[in-house]
Amino acid sequence: MIRNYYTDAFKSARIVTPSNTLLIDGKPQASTPQSVWGEYNLYIGGTGSVVTTNDNDASTNGFLILRVPNADIRVNMFVTGVGVPNDCKITSIAIALGTMTITLDKTLSIAADILLTYGFASENSIRVRTIDNDIVTFYNPPQGEVLQVSVVQVFVTGTNNMSGLVALS
């Protein structure tokens, strides 16, 4: 079923926790009859994208300081640039006093203000089960949009670089 979201209002929303065994409403998929599955449209809050910056401080350790925080840089992105080792991954991010401190899984040796590129290793995708019990994977869904499919489950496996998923009914 496709909902016309321009004329049909949604009545409720819930944060989606992807699971290979649970439906969006938290019921076990294997033991819940299909006739009582709750169906939802999904709002895609955020998707991974390639981000570049050149406002960093010099670093010779496992931390990267950006002088301007960037909300598009996320944990599990990889960083590339001159002086950055191969497969250098972001493990945590902290924002304080107008700067962004990025913790990496490797040691850097970079100069200030070099061009750094951030991105995910895999393509953006979301794998779902529909109300008709079909399993579908959508690649590069648009960020900030409602996915116009009646979804009952979002899988962990096959869902990459998605954040801020909200189920709307």
N, C-alpha and C. Protein backbone atom coordinates (compact mmCIF):
# COMPACT_ATOMS: atom_id res chain seq x y z
N MET A 1 0.84 -1.17 0.00
CA MET A 1 0.00 0.00 0.00
C MET A 1 0.89 1.24 0.00
N ILE A 2 0.54 2.21 -0.80
CA ILE A 2 1.26 3.47 -0.82
C ILE A 2 0.33 4.55 -0.30
N ARG A 3 0.81 5.29 0.69
CA ARG A 3 0.02 6.33 1.33
C ARG A 3 0.31 7.66 0.63
N ASN A 4 -0.73 8.45 0.38
CA ASN A 4 -0.56 9.78 -0.15
C ASN A 4 -0.30 10.72 1.02
N TYR A 5 0.98 10.96 1.33
CA TYR A 5 1.28 11.74 2.52
C TYR A 5 1.05 13.24 2.34
N TYR A 6 0.64 13.66 1.16
CA TYR A 6 0.30 15.07 0.98
C TYR A 6 -1.11 15.36 1.50
N THR A 7 -1.99 14.34 1.48
CA THR A 7 -3.36 14.57 1.89
C THR A 7 -3.78 13.72 3.09
N ASP A 8 -3.00 12.74 3.45
CA ASP A 8 -3.35 11.82 4.54
C ASP A 8 -2.40 12.04 5.71
N ALA A 9 -2.92 12.44 6.85
CA ALA A 9 -2.07 12.76 8.00
C ALA A 9 -1.63 11.48 8.73
N PHE A 10 -0.42 11.50 9.26
CA PHE A 10 0.06 10.42 10.10
C PHE A 10 -0.45 10.65 11.51
N LYS A 11 -0.75 9.55 12.21
CA LYS A 11 -1.32 9.66 13.55
C LYS A 11 -0.30 9.43 14.66
N SER A 12 0.75 8.67 14.35
CA SER A 12 1.75 8.38 15.39
C SER A 12 3.12 8.20 14.76
N ALA A 13 4.13 8.27 15.62
CA ALA A 13 5.51 8.08 15.17
C ALA A 13 6.27 7.33 16.25
N ARG A 14 7.22 6.51 15.83
CA ARG A 14 8.09 5.81 16.78
C ARG A 14 9.48 5.70 16.18
N ILE A 15 10.47 5.80 17.05
CA ILE A 15 11.87 5.66 16.64
C ILE A 15 12.09 4.20 16.23
N VAL A 16 12.75 3.98 15.11
CA VAL A 16 12.99 2.64 14.60
C VAL A 16 14.33 2.11 15.12
N THR A 17 14.29 0.92 15.69
CA THR A 17 15.50 0.19 16.05
C THR A 17 15.59 -1.01 15.11
N PRO A 18 16.51 -0.97 14.13
CA PRO A 18 16.62 -2.10 13.20
C PRO A 18 16.88 -3.41 13.94
N SER A 19 16.23 -4.48 13.47
CA SER A 19 16.36 -5.80 14.08
C SER A 19 16.12 -6.86 13.03
N ASN A 20 16.88 -7.93 13.10
CA ASN A 20 16.67 -9.05 12.19
C ASN A 20 15.57 -9.98 12.68
N THR A 21 15.08 -9.79 13.91
CA THR A 21 14.08 -10.70 14.47
C THR A 21 12.80 -10.01 14.93
N LEU A 22 12.85 -8.71 15.20
CA LEU A 22 11.69 -8.00 15.73
C LEU A 22 11.06 -7.09 14.68
N LEU A 23 9.73 -6.98 14.74
CA LEU A 23 9.02 -6.02 13.91
C LEU A 23 9.23 -4.62 14.48
N ILE A 24 8.85 -3.61 13.75
CA ILE A 24 9.01 -2.23 14.20
C ILE A 24 8.33 -2.01 15.55
N ASP A 25 7.17 -2.64 15.76
CA ASP A 25 6.45 -2.45 17.01
C ASP A 25 6.99 -3.30 18.16
N GLY A 26 8.10 -4.01 17.94
CA GLY A 26 8.76 -4.78 19.00
C GLY A 26 8.32 -6.22 19.13
N LYS A 27 7.33 -6.64 18.35
CA LYS A 27 6.86 -8.04 18.41
C LYS A 27 7.81 -8.94 17.61
N PRO A 28 7.99 -10.20 18.06
CA PRO A 28 8.85 -11.12 17.30
C PRO A 28 8.20 -11.44 15.95
N GLN A 29 8.95 -11.25 14.87
CA GLN A 29 8.41 -11.48 13.53
C GLN A 29 8.01 -12.94 13.34
N ALA A 30 8.81 -13.88 13.82
CA ALA A 30 8.57 -15.30 13.58
C ALA A 30 7.28 -15.81 14.22
N SER A 31 6.88 -15.26 15.35
CA SER A 31 5.70 -15.78 16.06
C SER A 31 4.49 -14.85 16.02
N THR A 32 4.57 -13.78 15.25
CA THR A 32 3.44 -12.85 15.15
C THR A 32 2.74 -13.07 13.82
N PRO A 33 1.45 -13.39 13.85
CA PRO A 33 0.73 -13.61 12.59
C PRO A 33 0.75 -12.36 11.71
N GLN A 34 0.90 -12.59 10.42
CA GLN A 34 0.97 -11.48 9.47
C GLN A 34 -0.28 -10.60 9.54
N SER A 35 -1.40 -11.16 9.90
CA SER A 35 -2.65 -10.41 9.94
C SER A 35 -2.66 -9.31 11.02
N VAL A 36 -1.74 -9.38 11.99
CA VAL A 36 -1.70 -8.35 13.05
C VAL A 36 -0.45 -7.47 12.98
N TRP A 37 0.33 -7.61 11.93
CA TRP A 37 1.51 -6.76 11.77
C TRP A 37 1.07 -5.30 11.65
N GLY A 38 1.78 -4.41 12.36
CA GLY A 38 1.54 -2.98 12.22
C GLY A 38 2.35 -2.46 11.05
N GLU A 39 1.74 -1.69 10.17
CA GLU A 39 2.46 -1.18 9.00
C GLU A 39 2.78 0.30 9.16
N TYR A 40 3.92 0.69 8.62
CA TYR A 40 4.43 2.05 8.80
C TYR A 40 5.07 2.54 7.51
N ASN A 41 5.09 3.85 7.35
CA ASN A 41 5.96 4.48 6.36
C ASN A 41 7.18 4.95 7.13
N LEU A 42 8.33 4.98 6.49
CA LEU A 42 9.57 5.35 7.17
C LEU A 42 10.06 6.72 6.77
N TYR A 43 10.39 7.51 7.76
CA TYR A 43 11.07 8.78 7.54
C TYR A 43 12.56 8.51 7.63
N ILE A 44 13.31 8.90 6.62
CA ILE A 44 14.76 8.72 6.58
C ILE A 44 15.40 10.00 7.08
N GLY A 45 15.86 10.00 8.33
CA GLY A 45 16.42 11.21 8.93
C GLY A 45 17.78 11.58 8.40
N GLY A 46 18.66 10.60 8.26
CA GLY A 46 20.01 10.90 7.80
C GLY A 46 20.60 9.73 7.04
N THR A 47 21.38 10.07 6.04
CA THR A 47 22.11 9.06 5.27
C THR A 47 23.57 9.47 5.19
N GLY A 48 24.41 8.51 4.98
CA GLY A 48 25.83 8.81 4.87
C GLY A 48 26.15 9.51 3.56
N SER A 49 27.08 10.39 3.61
CA SER A 49 27.52 11.08 2.41
C SER A 49 29.00 11.39 2.56
N VAL A 50 29.62 11.79 1.48
CA VAL A 50 31.03 12.16 1.53
C VAL A 50 31.12 13.61 1.98
N VAL A 51 32.00 13.86 2.95
CA VAL A 51 32.17 15.19 3.53
C VAL A 51 33.64 15.55 3.41
N THR A 52 33.93 16.80 3.08
CA THR A 52 35.33 17.26 3.08
C THR A 52 35.45 18.48 3.98
N THR A 53 36.61 18.60 4.62
CA THR A 53 36.91 19.76 5.47
C THR A 53 38.38 20.12 5.30
N ASN A 54 38.73 21.31 5.70
CA ASN A 54 40.14 21.71 5.77
C ASN A 54 40.34 22.72 6.90
N ASP A 55 39.65 22.48 8.01
CA ASP A 55 39.75 23.38 9.17
C ASP A 55 40.28 22.66 10.40
N ASN A 56 41.21 21.74 10.17
CA ASN A 56 41.74 20.92 11.26
C ASN A 56 43.02 21.49 11.84
N ASP A 57 43.26 21.14 13.11
CA ASP A 57 44.56 21.43 13.74
C ASP A 57 45.54 20.33 13.33
N ALA A 58 46.82 20.60 13.46
CA ALA A 58 47.84 19.56 13.24
C ALA A 58 47.66 18.47 14.29
N SER A 59 48.02 17.23 13.93
CA SER A 59 47.86 16.13 14.87
C SER A 59 48.92 15.06 14.63
N THR A 60 49.44 14.53 15.73
CA THR A 60 50.37 13.40 15.67
C THR A 60 49.91 12.31 16.64
N ASN A 61 48.60 12.22 16.84
CA ASN A 61 48.06 11.20 17.74
C ASN A 61 46.77 10.64 17.13
N GLY A 62 45.93 10.02 17.91
CA GLY A 62 44.70 9.43 17.43
C GLY A 62 43.50 10.34 17.52
N PHE A 63 43.75 11.65 17.61
CA PHE A 63 42.66 12.62 17.70
C PHE A 63 42.76 13.63 16.58
N LEU A 64 41.61 14.05 16.10
CA LEU A 64 41.52 15.06 15.06
C LEU A 64 40.64 16.17 15.61
N ILE A 65 41.14 17.40 15.62
CA ILE A 65 40.38 18.55 16.12
C ILE A 65 39.96 19.40 14.92
N LEU A 66 38.64 19.58 14.78
CA LEU A 66 38.11 20.50 13.78
C LEU A 66 37.69 21.77 14.48
N ARG A 67 38.05 22.91 13.92
CA ARG A 67 37.72 24.18 14.55
C ARG A 67 36.25 24.55 14.38
N VAL A 68 35.57 23.90 13.43
CA VAL A 68 34.14 24.13 13.22
C VAL A 68 33.44 22.76 13.20
N PRO A 69 32.53 22.50 14.15
CA PRO A 69 31.82 21.21 14.15
C PRO A 69 31.04 21.00 12.85
N ASN A 70 30.98 19.76 12.41
CA ASN A 70 30.26 19.41 11.19
C ASN A 70 29.33 18.23 11.50
N ALA A 71 28.02 18.47 11.46
CA ALA A 71 27.04 17.45 11.81
C ALA A 71 26.99 16.30 10.81
N ASP A 72 27.57 16.48 9.64
CA ASP A 72 27.57 15.41 8.62
C ASP A 72 28.66 14.38 8.86
N ILE A 73 29.59 14.66 9.75
CA ILE A 73 30.66 13.71 10.08
C ILE A 73 30.14 12.84 11.21
N ARG A 74 30.23 11.50 11.02
CA ARG A 74 29.63 10.58 11.98
C ARG A 74 30.59 9.45 12.36
N VAL A 75 30.28 8.82 13.50
CA VAL A 75 31.03 7.65 13.94
C VAL A 75 30.93 6.56 12.87
N ASN A 76 32.00 5.80 12.69
CA ASN A 76 32.15 4.71 11.71
C ASN A 76 32.48 5.20 10.31
N MET A 77 32.60 6.51 10.09
CA MET A 77 33.09 6.99 8.80
C MET A 77 34.60 6.75 8.75
N PHE A 78 35.11 6.65 7.53
CA PHE A 78 36.55 6.54 7.32
C PHE A 78 37.08 7.92 6.92
N VAL A 79 38.32 8.21 7.31
CA VAL A 79 38.96 9.49 7.02
C VAL A 79 40.13 9.24 6.08
N THR A 80 40.27 10.07 5.06
CA THR A 80 41.41 9.99 4.16
C THR A 80 42.01 11.38 3.98
N GLY A 81 43.29 11.40 3.66
CA GLY A 81 44.00 12.65 3.43
C GLY A 81 45.49 12.42 3.63
N VAL A 82 46.30 13.41 3.28
CA VAL A 82 47.75 13.30 3.42
C VAL A 82 48.10 13.15 4.90
N GLY A 83 48.82 12.08 5.24
CA GLY A 83 49.22 11.84 6.63
C GLY A 83 48.24 10.99 7.42
N VAL A 84 47.14 10.57 6.77
CA VAL A 84 46.15 9.72 7.43
C VAL A 84 46.38 8.28 6.96
N PRO A 85 46.58 7.33 7.89
CA PRO A 85 46.80 5.94 7.47
C PRO A 85 45.57 5.35 6.77
N ASN A 86 45.79 4.32 5.97
CA ASN A 86 44.70 3.64 5.28
C ASN A 86 43.71 3.06 6.30
N ASP A 87 42.46 3.03 5.91
CA ASP A 87 41.38 2.45 6.73
C ASP A 87 41.30 3.07 8.12
N CYS A 88 41.49 4.37 8.22
CA CYS A 88 41.40 5.09 9.49
C CYS A 88 39.94 5.43 9.75
N LYS A 89 39.40 4.89 10.86
CA LYS A 89 37.97 4.96 11.14
C LYS A 89 37.68 5.81 12.38
N ILE A 90 36.58 6.57 12.34
CA ILE A 90 36.13 7.38 13.47
C ILE A 90 35.46 6.47 14.49
N THR A 91 35.93 6.53 15.75
CA THR A 91 35.34 5.70 16.81
C THR A 91 34.44 6.50 17.74
N SER A 92 34.68 7.80 17.88
CA SER A 92 33.79 8.64 18.68
C SER A 92 33.97 10.11 18.29
N ILE A 93 32.96 10.90 18.66
CA ILE A 93 32.96 12.33 18.34
C ILE A 93 32.47 13.09 19.56
N ALA A 94 33.15 14.20 19.90
CA ALA A 94 32.71 15.07 20.99
C ALA A 94 32.77 16.51 20.51
N ILE A 95 31.76 17.27 20.86
CA ILE A 95 31.71 18.68 20.49
C ILE A 95 31.68 19.49 21.78
N ALA A 96 32.65 20.40 21.91
CA ALA A 96 32.72 21.25 23.10
C ALA A 96 33.46 22.54 22.75
N LEU A 97 33.00 23.62 23.32
CA LEU A 97 33.63 24.94 23.16
C LEU A 97 33.84 25.30 21.69
N GLY A 98 32.87 24.94 20.84
CA GLY A 98 32.91 25.33 19.44
C GLY A 98 33.85 24.52 18.57
N THR A 99 34.42 23.45 19.11
CA THR A 99 35.29 22.59 18.31
C THR A 99 34.74 21.16 18.32
N MET A 100 35.22 20.38 17.38
CA MET A 100 34.81 18.97 17.26
C MET A 100 36.04 18.11 17.42
N THR A 101 36.03 17.24 18.44
CA THR A 101 37.15 16.32 18.66
C THR A 101 36.73 14.95 18.16
N ILE A 102 37.47 14.43 17.20
CA ILE A 102 37.19 13.14 16.59
C ILE A 102 38.26 12.15 17.05
N THR A 103 37.81 11.05 17.65
CA THR A 103 38.73 9.99 18.06
C THR A 103 38.79 8.97 16.94
N LEU A 104 40.02 8.59 16.59
CA LEU A 104 40.25 7.66 15.48
C LEU A 104 40.86 6.36 15.99
N ASP A 105 40.76 5.33 15.19
CA ASP A 105 41.34 4.03 15.58
C ASP A 105 42.80 3.90 15.17
N LYS A 106 43.38 4.95 14.60
CA LYS A 106 44.79 4.93 14.19
C LYS A 106 45.43 6.27 14.52
N THR A 107 46.76 6.29 14.53
CA THR A 107 47.52 7.50 14.83
C THR A 107 47.76 8.29 13.54
N LEU A 108 47.54 9.60 13.63
CA LEU A 108 47.72 10.50 12.49
C LEU A 108 49.09 11.14 12.51
N SER A 109 49.44 11.71 11.39
CA SER A 109 50.59 12.60 11.28
C SER A 109 50.24 13.63 10.21
N ILE A 110 49.41 14.62 10.62
CA ILE A 110 48.89 15.58 9.65
C ILE A 110 49.22 17.01 10.02
N ALA A 111 49.31 17.83 8.99
CA ALA A 111 49.53 19.26 9.17
C ALA A 111 48.17 19.94 9.36
N ALA A 112 48.19 21.17 9.81
CA ALA A 112 46.96 21.95 9.98
C ALA A 112 46.38 22.30 8.61
N ASP A 113 45.07 22.39 8.56
CA ASP A 113 44.33 22.89 7.40
C ASP A 113 44.53 22.08 6.12
N ILE A 114 44.75 20.77 6.24
CA ILE A 114 44.83 19.96 5.02
C ILE A 114 43.43 19.49 4.63
N LEU A 115 43.26 19.10 3.39
CA LEU A 115 41.98 18.60 2.92
C LEU A 115 41.79 17.17 3.42
N LEU A 116 40.72 16.97 4.20
CA LEU A 116 40.37 15.65 4.71
C LEU A 116 39.01 15.26 4.14
N THR A 117 38.86 13.99 3.82
CA THR A 117 37.61 13.47 3.27
C THR A 117 37.07 12.40 4.20
N TYR A 118 35.77 12.45 4.47
CA TYR A 118 35.11 11.51 5.37
C TYR A 118 34.01 10.80 4.59
N GLY A 119 33.89 9.49 4.79
CA GLY A 119 32.83 8.74 4.10
C GLY A 119 32.70 7.34 4.67
N PHE A 120 31.62 6.69 4.32
CA PHE A 120 31.38 5.32 4.75
C PHE A 120 31.95 4.37 3.72
N ALA A 121 32.29 3.16 4.18
CA ALA A 121 32.88 2.16 3.29
C ALA A 121 31.84 1.52 2.38
N SER A 122 30.58 1.55 2.76
CA SER A 122 29.56 0.89 1.96
C SER A 122 28.49 1.88 1.52
N GLU A 123 27.74 1.48 0.52
CA GLU A 123 26.68 2.32 -0.03
C GLU A 123 25.53 2.45 0.97
N ASN A 124 24.87 3.60 0.97
CA ASN A 124 23.70 3.80 1.83
C ASN A 124 22.59 2.86 1.38
N SER A 125 22.02 2.14 2.34
CA SER A 125 20.92 1.23 1.99
C SER A 125 20.05 0.98 3.21
N ILE A 126 18.81 0.58 2.93
CA ILE A 126 17.90 0.17 4.00
C ILE A 126 17.16 -1.07 3.50
N ARG A 127 17.21 -2.12 4.31
CA ARG A 127 16.56 -3.40 3.97
C ARG A 127 15.35 -3.55 4.88
N VAL A 128 14.18 -3.78 4.27
CA VAL A 128 12.93 -3.81 5.02
C VAL A 128 12.08 -5.03 4.63
N ARG A 129 11.15 -5.38 5.52
CA ARG A 129 10.09 -6.34 5.22
C ARG A 129 8.82 -5.51 5.05
N THR A 130 8.07 -5.76 3.98
CA THR A 130 6.84 -5.02 3.72
C THR A 130 5.65 -5.76 4.32
N ILE A 131 4.50 -5.11 4.32
CA ILE A 131 3.27 -5.70 4.84
C ILE A 131 2.90 -6.95 4.05
N ASP A 132 3.35 -7.07 2.81
CA ASP A 132 3.09 -8.25 1.97
C ASP A 132 4.12 -9.35 2.18
N ASN A 133 4.99 -9.19 3.19
CA ASN A 133 6.03 -10.15 3.54
C ASN A 133 7.12 -10.26 2.48
N ASP A 134 7.31 -9.20 1.72
CA ASP A 134 8.42 -9.13 0.76
C ASP A 134 9.60 -8.46 1.46
N ILE A 135 10.80 -8.90 1.13
CA ILE A 135 12.01 -8.26 1.65
C ILE A 135 12.62 -7.46 0.52
N VAL A 136 12.78 -6.15 0.77
CA VAL A 136 13.23 -5.22 -0.26
C VAL A 136 14.38 -4.39 0.29
N THR A 137 15.39 -4.14 -0.55
CA THR A 137 16.48 -3.25 -0.18
C THR A 137 16.42 -2.01 -1.06
N PHE A 138 16.43 -0.84 -0.42
CA PHE A 138 16.45 0.43 -1.14
C PHE A 138 17.87 1.00 -1.03
N TYR A 139 18.45 1.41 -2.15
CA TYR A 139 19.79 1.97 -2.17
C TYR A 139 19.72 3.48 -2.33
N ASN A 140 20.51 4.18 -1.53
CA ASN A 140 20.59 5.64 -1.55
C ASN A 140 19.22 6.31 -1.46
N PRO A 141 18.43 5.96 -0.43
CA PRO A 141 17.14 6.65 -0.27
C PRO A 141 17.39 8.11 0.08
N PRO A 142 16.48 8.99 -0.30
CA PRO A 142 16.70 10.42 -0.04
C PRO A 142 16.59 10.77 1.44
N GLN A 143 17.57 11.49 1.92
CA GLN A 143 17.57 11.96 3.31
C GLN A 143 16.48 12.99 3.51
N GLY A 144 15.79 12.91 4.66
CA GLY A 144 14.75 13.89 4.98
C GLY A 144 13.44 13.64 4.26
N GLU A 145 13.24 12.44 3.73
CA GLU A 145 12.02 12.11 3.00
C GLU A 145 11.33 10.92 3.65
N VAL A 146 10.05 10.73 3.29
CA VAL A 146 9.28 9.57 3.74
C VAL A 146 9.36 8.51 2.66
N LEU A 147 9.79 7.30 3.04
CA LEU A 147 9.84 6.16 2.12
C LEU A 147 8.41 5.64 1.97
N GLN A 148 7.86 5.73 0.79
CA GLN A 148 6.44 5.45 0.57
C GLN A 148 6.18 3.97 0.33
N VAL A 149 6.46 3.17 1.34
CA VAL A 149 6.23 1.73 1.29
C VAL A 149 5.70 1.33 2.66
N SER A 150 4.74 0.40 2.71
CA SER A 150 4.20 -0.09 3.98
C SER A 150 5.18 -1.09 4.58
N VAL A 151 5.92 -0.64 5.59
CA VAL A 151 7.02 -1.41 6.18
C VAL A 151 6.58 -1.95 7.54
N VAL A 152 6.99 -3.21 7.83
CA VAL A 152 6.72 -3.80 9.14
C VAL A 152 8.00 -4.08 9.91
N GLN A 153 9.14 -4.15 9.21
CA GLN A 153 10.41 -4.49 9.85
C GLN A 153 11.55 -3.82 9.10
N VAL A 154 12.54 -3.32 9.85
CA VAL A 154 13.78 -2.81 9.28
C VAL A 154 14.89 -3.72 9.78
N PHE A 155 15.64 -4.30 8.86
CA PHE A 155 16.70 -5.24 9.21
C PHE A 155 18.00 -4.52 9.55
N VAL A 156 18.76 -5.11 10.47
CA VAL A 156 20.11 -4.62 10.74
C VAL A 156 21.00 -5.00 9.56
N THR A 157 20.91 -6.26 9.15
CA THR A 157 21.69 -6.76 8.03
C THR A 157 21.15 -6.15 6.74
N GLY A 158 22.00 -5.48 6.00
CA GLY A 158 21.58 -4.84 4.75
C GLY A 158 21.19 -3.38 4.92
N THR A 159 21.14 -2.88 6.16
CA THR A 159 20.87 -1.47 6.40
C THR A 159 22.19 -0.81 6.76
N ASN A 160 22.64 0.11 5.91
CA ASN A 160 23.95 0.75 6.08
C ASN A 160 23.84 2.26 6.01
N ASN A 161 24.50 2.93 6.94
CA ASN A 161 24.66 4.39 6.92
C ASN A 161 23.34 5.14 7.03
N MET A 162 22.40 4.59 7.77
CA MET A 162 21.10 5.23 7.99
C MET A 162 21.02 5.69 9.44
N SER A 163 20.41 6.82 9.67
CA SER A 163 20.19 7.29 11.04
C SER A 163 18.89 8.08 11.07
N GLY A 164 18.37 8.27 12.27
CA GLY A 164 17.15 9.06 12.45
C GLY A 164 15.94 8.44 11.76
N LEU A 165 15.84 7.11 11.77
CA LEU A 165 14.69 6.45 11.17
C LEU A 165 13.48 6.57 12.10
N VAL A 166 12.36 7.01 11.54
CA VAL A 166 11.12 7.16 12.31
C VAL A 166 10.01 6.45 11.55
N ALA A 167 9.27 5.58 12.26
CA ALA A 167 8.13 4.88 11.67
C ALA A 167 6.89 5.74 11.88
N LEU A 168 6.17 6.00 10.81
CA LEU A 168 4.97 6.83 10.85
C LEU A 168 3.76 5.98 10.49
N SER A 169 2.69 6.13 11.28
CA SER A 169 1.46 5.39 10.95
C SER A 169 0.28 6.35 10.98
